[in-house]
Protein backbone atom coordinates (compact mmCIF):
# COMPACT_ATOMS: atom_id res chain seq x y z
CA MET A 1 0.06 10.07 -1.69
CA PHE A 2 3.28 12.10 -2.02
CA GLY A 3 2.76 15.86 -1.85
CA TYR A 4 -0.95 15.64 -0.87
CA LYS A 5 -2.61 16.40 2.42
CA SER A 6 -5.60 14.64 3.94
CA TYR A 7 -7.99 15.69 6.65
CA ARG A 8 -10.67 13.57 8.33
CA PHE A 9 -13.86 15.03 9.59
CA SER A 10 -17.36 14.01 10.63
CA MET A 11 -20.53 15.44 9.33
CA ALA A 12 -24.15 15.37 10.55
CA VAL A 13 -26.39 17.45 8.29
CA THR A 14 -30.15 16.92 8.46
CA LYS A 15 -32.38 16.99 5.41
CA ASP A 16 -33.85 20.27 6.67
CA GLN A 17 -30.39 21.79 6.82
CA LEU A 18 -29.78 20.63 3.31
CA LEU A 19 -32.76 22.68 2.08
CA ASN A 20 -30.53 25.75 2.77
CA VAL A 21 -28.00 24.36 0.35
CA TYR A 22 -30.50 23.79 -2.41
CA SER A 23 -32.13 27.17 -1.88
CA GLY A 24 -28.70 28.81 -2.39
CA ALA A 25 -28.51 30.21 1.21
CA VAL A 26 -25.57 27.91 2.04
CA LYS A 27 -22.65 27.42 -0.32
CA ARG A 28 -19.93 26.12 2.01
CA PHE A 29 -19.76 23.92 5.09
CA ARG A 30 -17.37 24.68 7.88
CA VAL A 31 -16.17 21.57 9.69
CA ARG A 32 -13.48 20.71 12.20
CA SER A 33 -11.05 17.94 11.32
CA VAL A 34 -10.23 15.25 13.89
CA GLU A 35 -6.88 17.04 14.28
CA GLY A 36 -8.67 20.27 15.22
CA LEU A 37 -8.20 22.28 12.02
CA VAL A 38 -11.19 24.27 10.69
CA LEU A 39 -11.98 23.41 7.04
CA ASP A 40 -14.34 25.20 4.63
CA ILE A 41 -15.78 22.89 2.06
CA ASP A 42 -17.90 23.89 -1.00
CA ALA A 43 -21.25 22.24 -0.65
CA LYS A 44 -21.03 20.96 -4.29
CA HIS A 45 -18.30 18.60 -3.27
CA LEU A 46 -20.64 16.85 -0.79
CA ARG A 47 -23.64 16.28 -3.11
CA GLN A 48 -22.56 12.75 -3.90
CA PHE A 49 -22.96 11.84 -0.23
CA THR A 50 -26.50 13.22 0.09
CA THR A 51 -29.27 10.84 1.10
CA GLU A 52 -32.89 11.44 1.73
CA ASP A 53 -31.94 11.70 5.47
CA GLY A 54 -29.09 14.21 4.92
CA ILE A 55 -25.35 13.85 5.01
CA TYR A 56 -23.86 11.70 7.80
CA GLY A 57 -20.52 9.98 8.24
CA LEU A 58 -16.80 10.19 8.57
CA PHE A 59 -15.02 11.65 5.54
CA GLU A 60 -11.54 12.32 4.32
CA LEU A 61 -10.72 15.45 2.32
CA THR A 62 -7.62 15.18 0.05
CA THR A 63 -5.85 18.35 -1.15
CA THR A 64 -2.67 19.20 -3.02
CA ALA A 65 0.26 20.48 -1.07
CA ASP A 66 -1.02 24.06 -1.70
CA ASN A 67 -4.50 23.12 -0.44
CA LYS A 68 -6.36 22.84 -3.75
CA PHE A 69 -9.29 20.39 -3.57
CA LEU A 70 -8.71 16.94 -5.01
CA LYS A 71 -11.41 14.63 -3.56
CA ILE A 72 -13.58 13.67 -0.63
CA THR A 73 -13.99 10.05 0.30
CA LYS A 74 -16.59 8.63 2.70
CA ILE A 75 -14.85 6.32 5.26
CA ARG A 76 -17.94 5.20 7.12
């Protein structure tokens, strides 16, 4: 995608940790991309990947050139 940036990262969030999201105590997740960059992601963008076990997998965050959120895709 021209003018867009993408960042890959892994997540392993247990169902107990997700309770903090639903209670409002956690609003953002801080992850490290495979390139070593630290990313802050709004928890609301990860809801679609929530299972009864939590959130697990390798993901790709796509942003505009000025780092505005576009989408997150689960890779595996």
